[in-house]
PDB file of all heavy atoms in Angstrom:
ATOM      1  N   GLY A   1       0.819  -1.201   0.000  1.00  0.00           N
ATOM      2  CA  GLY A   1       0.000   0.000   0.000  1.00  0.00           C
ATOM      3  C   GLY A   1       0.854   1.251   0.000  1.00  0.00           C
ATOM      4  O   GLY A   1       0.550   2.226  -0.720  1.00  0.00           O
ATOM      5  N   LEU A   2       1.924   1.252   0.776  1.00  0.00           N
ATOM      6  CA  LEU A   2       2.820   2.405   0.809  1.00  0.00           C
ATOM      7  C   LEU A   2       3.503   2.600  -0.543  1.00  0.00           C
ATOM      8  O   LEU A   2       3.623   3.734  -1.036  1.00  0.00           O
ATOM      9  CB  LEU A   2       3.868   2.211   1.914  1.00  0.00           C
ATOM     10  CG  LEU A   2       4.899   3.331   2.079  1.00  0.00           C
ATOM     11  CD1 LEU A   2       4.219   4.662   2.371  1.00  0.00           C
ATOM     12  CD2 LEU A   2       5.886   2.978   3.187  1.00  0.00           C
ATOM     13  N   ILE A   3       3.917   1.507  -1.170  1.00  0.00           N
ATOM     14  CA  ILE A   3       4.536   1.599  -2.491  1.00  0.00           C
ATOM     15  C   ILE A   3       3.550   2.167  -3.501  1.00  0.00           C
ATOM     16  O   ILE A   3       3.893   3.041  -4.305  1.00  0.00           O
ATOM     17  CB  ILE A   3       5.064   0.218  -2.939  1.00  0.00           C
ATOM     18  CG1 ILE A   3       6.249  -0.200  -2.068  1.00  0.00           C
ATOM     19  CG2 ILE A   3       5.466   0.244  -4.415  1.00  0.00           C
ATOM     20  CD1 ILE A   3       6.712  -1.627  -2.301  1.00  0.00           C
ATOM     21  N   ALA A   4       2.299   1.693  -3.460  1.00  0.00           N
ATOM     22  CA  ALA A   4       1.280   2.207  -4.379  1.00  0.00           C
ATOM     23  C   ALA A   4       1.058   3.698  -4.171  1.00  0.00           C
ATOM     24  O   ALA A   4       0.855   4.454  -5.133  1.00  0.00           O
ATOM     25  CB  ALA A   4      -0.026   1.435  -4.181  1.00  0.00           C
ATOM     26  N   MET A   5       1.082   4.145  -2.914  1.00  0.00           N
ATOM     27  CA  MET A   5       0.939   5.576  -2.641  1.00  0.00           C
ATOM     28  C   MET A   5       2.106   6.362  -3.218  1.00  0.00           C
ATOM     29  O   MET A   5       1.942   7.454  -3.764  1.00  0.00           O
ATOM     30  CB  MET A   5       0.851   5.810  -1.136  1.00  0.00           C
ATOM     31  CG  MET A   5      -0.481   5.483  -0.511  1.00  0.00           C
ATOM     32  SD  MET A   5      -0.568   6.048   1.206  1.00  0.00           S
ATOM     33  CE  MET A   5       0.090   4.615   2.059  1.00  0.00           C
ATOM     34  N   MET A   6       3.306   5.818  -3.091  1.00  0.00           N
ATOM     35  CA  MET A   6       4.498   6.545  -3.517  1.00  0.00           C
ATOM     36  C   MET A   6       4.595   6.653  -5.039  1.00  0.00           C
ATOM     37  O   MET A   6       5.063   7.672  -5.563  1.00  0.00           O
ATOM     38  CB  MET A   6       5.743   5.870  -2.946  1.00  0.00           C
ATOM     39  CG  MET A   6       5.884   6.078  -1.444  1.00  0.00           C
ATOM     40  SD  MET A   6       7.388   5.328  -0.765  1.00  0.00           S
ATOM     41  CE  MET A   6       7.456   6.107   0.858  1.00  0.00           C
ATOM     42  N   VAL A   7       4.164   5.615  -5.753  1.00  0.00           N
ATOM     43  CA  VAL A   7       4.230   5.694  -7.226  1.00  0.00           C
ATOM     44  C   VAL A   7       2.953   6.272  -7.821  1.00  0.00           C
ATOM     45  O   VAL A   7       2.918   6.643  -8.989  1.00  0.00           O
ATOM     46  CB  VAL A   7       4.527   4.308  -7.849  1.00  0.00           C
ATOM     47  CG1 VAL A   7       5.868   3.786  -7.391  1.00  0.00           C
ATOM     48  CG2 VAL A   7       3.409   3.302  -7.538  1.00  0.00           C
ATOM     49  N   GLY A   8       1.895   6.332  -7.020  1.00  0.00           N
ATOM     50  CA  GLY A   8       0.663   6.978  -7.462  1.00  0.00           C
ATOM     51  C   GLY A   8      -0.166   6.176  -8.436  1.00  0.00           C
ATOM     52  O   GLY A   8      -0.890   6.760  -9.264  1.00  0.00           O
ATOM     53  N   ARG A   9      -0.112   4.844  -8.348  1.00  0.00           N
ATOM     54  CA  ARG A   9      -0.922   4.028  -9.260  1.00  0.00           C
ATOM     55  C   ARG A   9      -1.127   2.636  -8.672  1.00  0.00           C
ATOM     56  O   ARG A   9      -0.455   2.237  -7.715  1.00  0.00           O
ATOM     57  CB  ARG A   9      -0.258   3.909 -10.626  1.00  0.00           C
ATOM     58  CG  ARG A   9       1.146   3.335 -10.597  1.00  0.00           C
ATOM     59  CD  ARG A   9       1.770   3.270 -11.984  1.00  0.00           C
ATOM     60  NE  ARG A   9       3.192   2.915 -11.936  1.00  0.00           N
ATOM     61  CZ  ARG A   9       4.175   3.800 -11.819  1.00  0.00           C
ATOM     62  NH1 ARG A   9       3.886   5.085 -11.740  1.00  0.00           N
ATOM     63  NH2 ARG A   9       5.436   3.395 -11.792  1.00  0.00           N
ATOM     64  N   LYS A  10      -2.041   1.910  -9.280  1.00  0.00           N
ATOM     65  CA  LYS A  10      -2.318   0.531  -8.877  1.00  0.00           C
ATOM     66  C   LYS A  10      -1.111  -0.349  -9.199  1.00  0.00           C
ATOM     67  O   LYS A  10      -0.463  -0.193 -10.242  1.00  0.00           O
ATOM     68  CB  LYS A  10      -3.547  -0.004  -9.608  1.00  0.00           C
ATOM     69  CG  LYS A  10      -3.912  -1.446  -9.263  1.00  0.00           C
ATOM     70  CD  LYS A  10      -4.953  -2.006 -10.217  1.00  0.00           C
ATOM     71  CE  LYS A  10      -6.260  -1.270 -10.126  1.00  0.00           C
ATOM     72  NZ  LYS A  10      -7.301  -1.875 -10.992  1.00  0.00           N
ATOM     73  N   ILE A  11      -0.803  -1.282  -8.283  1.00  0.00           N
ATOM     74  CA  ILE A  11       0.248  -2.246  -8.549  1.00  0.00           C
ATOM     75  C   ILE A  11      -0.332  -3.651  -8.440  1.00  0.00           C
ATOM     76  O   ILE A  11      -1.282  -3.892  -7.697  1.00  0.00           O
ATOM     77  CB  ILE A  11       1.446  -2.084  -7.596  1.00  0.00           C
ATOM     78  CG1 ILE A  11       1.023  -2.212  -6.130  1.00  0.00           C
ATOM     79  CG2 ILE A  11       2.142  -0.753  -7.839  1.00  0.00           C
ATOM     80  CD1 ILE A  11       2.191  -2.155  -5.159  1.00  0.00           C
ATOM     81  N   LYS A  12       0.263  -4.547  -9.202  1.00  0.00           N
ATOM     82  CA  LYS A  12      -0.147  -5.949  -9.178  1.00  0.00           C
ATOM     83  C   LYS A  12       0.960  -6.774  -8.530  1.00  0.00           C
ATOM     84  O   LYS A  12       2.141  -6.581  -8.813  1.00  0.00           O
ATOM     85  CB  LYS A  12      -0.443  -6.444 -10.596  1.00  0.00           C
ATOM     86  CG  LYS A  12      -1.641  -5.746 -11.233  1.00  0.00           C
ATOM     87  CD  LYS A  12      -1.986  -6.347 -12.584  1.00  0.00           C
ATOM     88  CE  LYS A  12      -3.224  -5.683 -13.165  1.00  0.00           C
ATOM     89  NZ  LYS A  12      -3.616  -6.261 -14.489  1.00  0.00           N
ATOM     90  N   TRP A  13       0.536  -7.710  -7.694  1.00  0.00           N
ATOM     91  CA  TRP A  13       1.475  -8.460  -6.856  1.00  0.00           C
ATOM     92  C   TRP A  13       1.289  -9.947  -7.083  1.00  0.00           C
ATOM     93  O   TRP A  13       0.159 -10.453  -7.056  1.00  0.00           O
ATOM     94  CB  TRP A  13       1.227  -8.103  -5.394  1.00  0.00           C
ATOM     95  CG  TRP A  13       1.993  -8.877  -4.365  1.00  0.00           C
ATOM     96  CD1 TRP A  13       1.484  -9.796  -3.490  1.00  0.00           C
ATOM     97  CD2 TRP A  13       3.382  -8.772  -4.049  1.00  0.00           C
ATOM     98  NE1 TRP A  13       2.471 -10.271  -2.657  1.00  0.00           N
ATOM     99  CE2 TRP A  13       3.650  -9.658  -2.977  1.00  0.00           C
ATOM    100  CE3 TRP A  13       4.432  -8.019  -4.579  1.00  0.00           C
ATOM    101  CZ2 TRP A  13       4.925  -9.802  -2.435  1.00  0.00           C
ATOM    102  CZ3 TRP A  13       5.708  -8.161  -4.032  1.00  0.00           C
ATOM    103  CH2 TRP A  13       5.937  -9.045  -2.974  1.00  0.00           C
ATOM    104  N   ASP A  14       2.387 -10.648  -7.300  1.00  0.00           N
ATOM    105  CA  ASP A  14       2.365 -12.104  -7.393  1.00  0.00           C
ATOM    106  C   ASP A  14       2.617 -12.657  -5.994  1.00  0.00           C
ATOM    107  O   ASP A  14       3.762 -12.740  -5.542  1.00  0.00           O
ATOM    108  CB  ASP A  14       3.436 -12.589  -8.366  1.00  0.00           C
ATOM    109  CG  ASP A  14       3.364 -14.094  -8.615  1.00  0.00           C
ATOM    110  OD1 ASP A  14       2.913 -14.828  -7.712  1.00  0.00           O
ATOM    111  OD2 ASP A  14       3.762 -14.534  -9.706  1.00  0.00           O
ATOM    112  N   ALA A  15       1.541 -12.996  -5.305  1.00  0.00           N
ATOM    113  CA  ALA A  15       1.665 -13.409  -3.908  1.00  0.00           C
ATOM    114  C   ALA A  15       2.402 -14.727  -3.738  1.00  0.00           C
ATOM    115  O   ALA A  15       2.890 -15.022  -2.643  1.00  0.00           O
ATOM    116  CB  ALA A  15       0.271 -13.512  -3.274  1.00  0.00           C
ATOM    117  N   LYS A  16       2.490 -15.538  -4.775  1.00  0.00           N
ATOM    118  CA  LYS A  16       3.189 -16.821  -4.671  1.00  0.00           C
ATOM    119  C   LYS A  16       4.694 -16.659  -4.862  1.00  0.00           C
ATOM    120  O   LYS A  16       5.491 -17.235  -4.134  1.00  0.00           O
ATOM    121  CB  LYS A  16       2.632 -17.811  -5.712  1.00  0.00           C
ATOM    122  CG  LYS A  16       1.186 -18.200  -5.478  1.00  0.00           C
ATOM    123  CD  LYS A  16       1.023 -18.988  -4.192  1.00  0.00           C
ATOM    124  CE  LYS A  16      -0.412 -19.474  -4.012  1.00  0.00           C
ATOM    125  NZ  LYS A  16      -0.590 -20.158  -2.699  1.00  0.00           N
ATOM    126  N   LYS A  17       5.087 -15.844  -5.852  1.00  0.00           N
ATOM    127  CA  LYS A  17       6.506 -15.712  -6.170  1.00  0.00           C
ATOM    128  C   LYS A  17       7.139 -14.450  -5.597  1.00  0.00           C
ATOM    129  O   LYS A  17       8.356 -14.369  -5.491  1.00  0.00           O
ATOM    130  CB  LYS A  17       6.700 -15.746  -7.687  1.00  0.00           C
ATOM    131  CG  LYS A  17       6.261 -17.064  -8.320  1.00  0.00           C
ATOM    132  CD  LYS A  17       6.503 -17.060  -9.822  1.00  0.00           C
ATOM    133  CE  LYS A  17       6.070 -18.370 -10.461  1.00  0.00           C
ATOM    134  NZ  LYS A  17       6.276 -18.373 -11.923  1.00  0.00           N
ATOM    135  N   GLY A  18       6.321 -13.444  -5.297  1.00  0.00           N
ATOM    136  CA  GLY A  18       6.853 -12.298  -4.590  1.00  0.00           C
ATOM    137  C   GLY A  18       7.074 -11.007  -5.338  1.00  0.00           C
ATOM    138  O   GLY A  18       7.079  -9.958  -4.707  1.00  0.00           O
ATOM    139  N   PRO A  19       7.262 -10.992  -6.651  1.00  0.00           N
ATOM    140  CA  PRO A  19       7.551  -9.697  -7.280  1.00  0.00           C
ATOM    141  C   PRO A  19       6.305  -8.884  -7.593  1.00  0.00           C
ATOM    142  O   PRO A  19       5.193  -9.407  -7.691  1.00  0.00           O
ATOM    143  CB  PRO A  19       8.256 -10.100  -8.574  1.00  0.00           C
ATOM    144  CG  PRO A  19       7.659 -11.421  -8.923  1.00  0.00           C
ATOM    145  CD  PRO A  19       7.400 -12.100  -7.596  1.00  0.00           C
ATOM    146  N   ILE A  20       6.513  -7.571  -7.753  1.00  0.00           N
ATOM    147  CA  ILE A  20       5.499  -6.702  -8.335  1.00  0.00           C
ATOM    148  C   ILE A  20       5.547  -6.921  -9.837  1.00  0.00           C
ATOM    149  O   ILE A  20       6.611  -7.017 -10.448  1.00  0.00           O
ATOM    150  CB  ILE A  20       5.783  -5.233  -7.976  1.00  0.00           C
ATOM    151  CG1 ILE A  20       5.547  -5.018  -6.471  1.00  0.00           C
ATOM    152  CG2 ILE A  20       4.932  -4.284  -8.798  1.00  0.00           C
ATOM    153  CD1 ILE A  20       5.948  -3.650  -5.973  1.00  0.00           C
ATOM    154  N   ILE A  21       4.398  -7.014 -10.449  1.00  0.00           N
ATOM    155  CA  ILE A  21       4.309  -7.406 -11.858  1.00  0.00           C
ATOM    156  C   ILE A  21       4.322  -6.181 -12.767  1.00  0.00           C
ATOM    157  O   ILE A  21       3.482  -5.281 -12.639  1.00  0.00           O
ATOM    158  CB  ILE A  21       3.026  -8.231 -12.108  1.00  0.00           C
ATOM    159  CG1 ILE A  21       3.025  -9.488 -11.223  1.00  0.00           C
ATOM    160  CG2 ILE A  21       2.905  -8.617 -13.581  1.00  0.00           C
ATOM    161  CD1 ILE A  21       1.712 -10.236 -11.229  1.00  0.00           C
ATOM    162  N   GLY A  22       5.285  -6.129 -13.680  1.00  0.00           N
ATOM    163  CA  GLY A  22       5.290  -5.145 -14.757  1.00  0.00           C
ATOM    164  C   GLY A  22       5.456  -3.703 -14.329  1.00  0.00           C
ATOM    165  O   GLY A  22       4.934  -2.805 -15.006  1.00  0.00           O
ATOM    166  N   ASP A  23       6.181  -3.438 -13.255  1.00  0.00           N
ATOM    167  CA  ASP A  23       6.361  -2.062 -12.800  1.00  0.00           C
ATOM    168  C   ASP A  23       7.738  -1.939 -12.156  1.00  0.00           C
ATOM    169  O   ASP A  23       7.901  -2.171 -10.956  1.00  0.00           O
ATOM    170  CB  ASP A  23       5.259  -1.676 -11.811  1.00  0.00           C
ATOM    171  CG  ASP A  23       5.191  -0.173 -11.540  1.00  0.00           C
ATOM    172  OD1 ASP A  23       6.260   0.461 -11.538  1.00  0.00           O
ATOM    173  OD2 ASP A  23       4.080   0.343 -11.315  1.00  0.00           O
ATOM    174  N   ASP A  24       8.727  -1.552 -12.954  1.00  0.00           N
ATOM    175  CA  ASP A  24      10.096  -1.484 -12.458  1.00  0.00           C
ATOM    176  C   ASP A  24      10.268  -0.424 -11.384  1.00  0.00           C
ATOM    177  O   ASP A  24      11.010  -0.629 -10.414  1.00  0.00           O
ATOM    178  CB  ASP A  24      11.062  -1.191 -13.621  1.00  0.00           C
ATOM    179  CG  ASP A  24      11.170  -2.349 -14.593  1.00  0.00           C
ATOM    180  OD1 ASP A  24      10.823  -3.487 -14.199  1.00  0.00           O
ATOM    181  OD2 ASP A  24      11.595  -2.124 -15.749  1.00  0.00           O
ATOM    182  N   GLU A  25       9.586   0.708 -11.526  1.00  0.00           N
ATOM    183  CA  GLU A  25       9.711   1.777 -10.533  1.00  0.00           C
ATOM    184  C   GLU A  25       9.193   1.315  -9.177  1.00  0.00           C
ATOM    185  O   GLU A  25       9.837   1.535  -8.141  1.00  0.00           O
ATOM    186  CB  GLU A  25       8.941   3.019 -10.988  1.00  0.00           C
ATOM    187  CG  GLU A  25       9.044   4.172  -9.997  1.00  0.00           C
ATOM    188  CD  GLU A  25       8.149   5.345 -10.368  1.00  0.00           C
ATOM    189  OE1 GLU A  25       7.398   5.244 -11.359  1.00  0.00           O
ATOM    190  OE2 GLU A  25       8.192   6.359  -9.639  1.00  0.00           O
ATOM    191  N   ALA A  26       8.040   0.666  -9.182  1.00  0.00           N
ATOM    192  CA  ALA A  26       7.481   0.173  -7.927  1.00  0.00           C
ATOM    193  C   ALA A  26       8.337  -0.949  -7.344  1.00  0.00           C
ATOM    194  O   ALA A  26       8.518  -1.038  -6.125  1.00  0.00           O
ATOM    195  CB  ALA A  26       6.050  -0.319  -8.150  1.00  0.00           C
ATOM    196  N   SER A  27       8.888  -1.792  -8.209  1.00  0.00           N
ATOM    197  CA  SER A  27       9.700  -2.914  -7.743  1.00  0.00           C
ATOM    198  C   SER A  27      10.944  -2.454  -7.001  1.00  0.00           C
ATOM    199  O   SER A  27      11.404  -3.120  -6.066  1.00  0.00           O
ATOM    200  CB  SER A  27      10.104  -3.802  -8.926  1.00  0.00           C
ATOM    201  OG  SER A  27       8.967  -4.424  -9.502  1.00  0.00           O
ATOM    202  N   LYS A  28      11.498  -1.311  -7.389  1.00  0.00           N
ATOM    203  CA  LYS A  28      12.681  -0.788  -6.711  1.00  0.00           C
ATOM    204  C   LYS A  28      12.390  -0.452  -5.255  1.00  0.00           C
ATOM    205  O   LYS A  28      13.302  -0.442  -4.424  1.00  0.00           O
ATOM    206  CB  LYS A  28      13.199   0.445  -7.440  1.00  0.00           C
ATOM    207  CG  LYS A  28      13.793   0.146  -8.809  1.00  0.00           C
ATOM    208  CD  LYS A  28      14.249   1.426  -9.504  1.00  0.00           C
ATOM    209  CE  LYS A  28      14.821   1.127 -10.881  1.00  0.00           C
ATOM    210  NZ  LYS A  28      15.232   2.375 -11.590  1.00  0.00           N
ATOM    211  N   LEU A  29      11.121  -0.178  -4.934  1.00  0.00           N
ATOM    212  CA  LEU A  29      10.749   0.200  -3.580  1.00  0.00           C
ATOM    213  C   LEU A  29      10.520  -1.009  -2.671  1.00  0.00           C
ATOM    214  O   LEU A  29      10.194  -0.854  -1.499  1.00  0.00           O
ATOM    215  CB  LEU A  29       9.494   1.076  -3.606  1.00  0.00           C
ATOM    216  CG  LEU A  29       9.637   2.399  -4.356  1.00  0.00           C
ATOM    217  CD1 LEU A  29       8.317   3.157  -4.366  1.00  0.00           C
ATOM    218  CD2 LEU A  29      10.751   3.255  -3.751  1.00  0.00           C
ATOM    219  N   LEU A  30      10.710  -2.213  -3.213  1.00  0.00           N
ATOM    220  CA  LEU A  30      10.644  -3.411  -2.376  1.00  0.00           C
ATOM    221  C   LEU A  30      11.831  -3.506  -1.435  1.00  0.00           C
ATOM    222  O   LEU A  30      11.815  -4.275  -0.471  1.00  0.00           O
ATOM    223  CB  LEU A  30      10.582  -4.666  -3.253  1.00  0.00           C
ATOM    224  CG  LEU A  30       9.304  -4.873  -4.056  1.00  0.00           C
ATOM    225  CD1 LEU A  30       9.483  -5.989  -5.077  1.00  0.00           C
ATOM    226  CD2 LEU A  30       8.137  -5.193  -3.131  1.00  0.00           C
ATOM    227  N   THR A  31      12.865  -2.715  -1.708  1.00  0.00           N
ATOM    228  CA  THR A  31      14.055  -2.715  -0.859  1.00  0.00           C
ATOM    229  C   THR A  31      14.562  -1.290  -0.732  1.00  0.00           C
ATOM    230  O   THR A  31      14.000  -0.358  -1.310  1.00  0.00           O
ATOM    231  CB  THR A  31      15.150  -3.632  -1.446  1.00  0.00           C
ATOM    232  OG1 THR A  31      16.205  -3.774  -0.505  1.00  0.00           O
ATOM    233  CG2 THR A  31      15.675  -3.094  -2.755  1.00  0.00           C
ATOM    234  N   ARG A  32      15.596  -1.104   0.081  1.00  0.00           N
ATOM    235  CA  ARG A  32      16.234   0.198   0.234  1.00  0.00           C
ATOM    236  C   ARG A  32      17.741   0.020   0.182  1.00  0.00           C
ATOM    237  O   ARG A  32      18.275  -1.027   0.564  1.00  0.00           O
ATOM    238  CB  ARG A  32      15.855   0.852   1.565  1.00  0.00           C
ATOM    239  CG  ARG A  32      14.387   1.146   1.724  1.00  0.00           C
ATOM    240  CD  ARG A  32      14.145   2.052   2.917  1.00  0.00           C
ATOM    241  NE  ARG A  32      12.737   2.133   3.273  1.00  0.00           N
ATOM    242  CZ  ARG A  32      12.253   2.967   4.180  1.00  0.00           C
ATOM    243  NH1 ARG A  32      13.070   3.788   4.818  1.00  0.00           N
ATOM    244  NH2 ARG A  32      10.962   2.990   4.465  1.00  0.00           N
ATOM    245  N   GLU A  33      18.409   1.066  -0.278  1.00  0.00           N
ATOM    246  CA  GLU A  33      19.867   1.017  -0.360  1.00  0.00           C
ATOM    247  C   GLU A  33      20.465   1.081   1.039  1.00  0.00           C
ATOM    248  O   GLU A  33      20.035   1.861   1.887  1.00  0.00           O
ATOM    249  CB  GLU A  33      20.377   2.191  -1.188  1.00  0.00           C
ATOM    250  CG  GLU A  33      21.877   2.201  -1.383  1.00  0.00           C
ATOM    251  CD  GLU A  33      22.347   3.374  -2.215  1.00  0.00           C
ATOM    252  OE1 GLU A  33      21.492   4.119  -2.752  1.00  0.00           O
ATOM    253  OE2 GLU A  33      23.583   3.551  -2.346  1.00  0.00           O
ATOM    254  N   TYR A  34      21.452   0.238   1.294  1.00  0.00           N
ATOM    255  CA  TYR A  34      22.127   0.203   2.586  1.00  0.00           C
ATOM    256  C   TYR A  34      23.358   1.101   2.563  1.00  0.00           C
ATOM    257  O   TYR A  34      24.101   1.145   1.568  1.00  0.00           O
ATOM    258  CB  TYR A  34      22.548  -1.220   2.936  1.00  0.00           C
ATOM    259  CG  TYR A  34      21.500  -2.027   3.661  1.00  0.00           C
ATOM    260  CD1 TYR A  34      20.138  -1.816   3.439  1.00  0.00           C
ATOM    261  CD2 TYR A  34      21.867  -3.020   4.565  1.00  0.00           C
ATOM    262  CE1 TYR A  34      19.182  -2.558   4.113  1.00  0.00           C
ATOM    263  CE2 TYR A  34      20.915  -3.776   5.237  1.00  0.00           C
ATOM    264  CZ  TYR A  34      19.570  -3.535   5.003  1.00  0.00           C
ATOM    265  OH  TYR A  34      18.614  -4.259   5.673  1.00  0.00           O
ATOM    266  N   ARG A  35      23.599   1.765   3.660  1.00  0.00           N
ATOM    267  CA  ARG A  35      24.797   2.575   3.840  1.00  0.00           C
ATOM    268  C   ARG A  35      25.994   1.650   4.094  1.00  0.00           C
ATOM    269  O   ARG A  35      25.916   0.732   4.919  1.00  0.00           O
ATOM    270  CB  ARG A  35      24.600   3.530   5.017  1.00  0.00           C
ATOM    271  CG  ARG A  35      25.779   4.448   5.321  1.00  0.00           C
ATOM    272  CD  ARG A  35      25.403   5.492   6.360  1.00  0.00           C
ATOM    273  NE  ARG A  35      25.222   4.926   7.673  1.00  0.00           N
ATOM    274  CZ  ARG A  35      26.017   5.138   8.719  1.00  0.00           C
ATOM    275  NH1 ARG A  35      27.096   5.906   8.584  1.00  0.00           N
ATOM    276  NH2 ARG A  35      25.759   4.612   9.899  1.00  0.00           N
ATOM    277  N   ALA A  36      27.071   1.898   3.400  1.00  0.00           N
ATOM    278  CA  ALA A  36      28.300   1.115   3.602  1.00  0.00           C
ATOM    279  C   ALA A  36      28.809   1.327   5.030  1.00  0.00           C
ATOM    280  O   ALA A  36      28.693   2.426   5.570  1.00  0.00           O
ATOM    281  CB  ALA A  36      29.353   1.511   2.588  1.00  0.00           C
ATOM    282  N   PRO A  37      29.338   0.290   5.667  1.00  0.00           N
ATOM    283  CA  PRO A  37      29.636  -1.055   5.136  1.00  0.00           C
ATOM    284  C   PRO A  37      28.535  -2.079   5.409  1.00  0.00           C
ATOM    285  O   PRO A  37      28.767  -3.287   5.296  1.00  0.00           O
ATOM    286  CB  PRO A  37      30.891  -1.426   5.919  1.00  0.00           C
ATOM    287  CG  PRO A  37      30.646  -0.818   7.278  1.00  0.00           C
ATOM    288  CD  PRO A  37      29.916   0.478   7.021  1.00  0.00           C
ATOM    289  N   TYR A  38      27.344  -1.631   5.774  1.00  0.00           N
ATOM    290  CA  TYR A  38      26.268  -2.560   6.133  1.00  0.00           C
ATOM    291  C   TYR A  38      25.733  -3.270   4.882  1.00  0.00           C
ATOM    292  O   TYR A  38      25.596  -2.667   3.819  1.00  0.00           O
ATOM    293  CB  TYR A  38      25.141  -1.816   6.834  1.00  0.00           C
ATOM    294  CG  TYR A  38      25.564  -1.183   8.137  1.00  0.00           C
ATOM    295  CD1 TYR A  38      25.996   0.145   8.178  1.00  0.00           C
ATOM    296  CD2 TYR A  38      25.559  -1.907   9.322  1.00  0.00           C
ATOM    297  CE1 TYR A  38      26.411   0.730   9.364  1.00  0.00           C
ATOM    298  CE2 TYR A  38      25.971  -1.327  10.525  1.00  0.00           C
ATOM    299  CZ  TYR A  38      26.391  -0.006  10.532  1.00  0.00           C
ATOM    300  OH  TYR A  38      26.801   0.572  11.694  1.00  0.00           O
ATOM    301  N   LYS A  39      25.414  -4.546   5.057  1.00  0.00           N
ATOM    302  CA  LYS A  39      24.876  -5.356   3.966  1.00  0.00           C
ATOM    303  C   LYS A  39      23.784  -6.265   4.491  1.00  0.00           C
ATOM    304  O   LYS A  39      23.813  -6.676   5.654  1.00  0.00           O
ATOM    305  CB  LYS A  39      25.991  -6.201   3.325  1.00  0.00           C
ATOM    306  CG  LYS A  39      27.079  -5.413   2.639  1.00  0.00           C
ATOM    307  CD  LYS A  39      28.120  -6.332   2.041  1.00  0.00           C
ATOM    308  CE  LYS A  39      29.230  -5.536   1.347  1.00  0.00           C
ATOM    309  NZ  LYS A  39      30.266  -6.444   0.757  1.00  0.00           N
TER     310      LYS A  39
END
C-alpha cells in the first residue's frame, strides 16, 4: 500500500513468487539502499 501511494498508481502483486508485476519503478521500492559497510 505504501509503495502504491508513492508511485501513485495501482500495482499488481504475485503473492506466490513475490515480485510486483510489470512495474520497475514500484519494484525498486521493495528494498532500500544500505549505507556502507552494512549489507
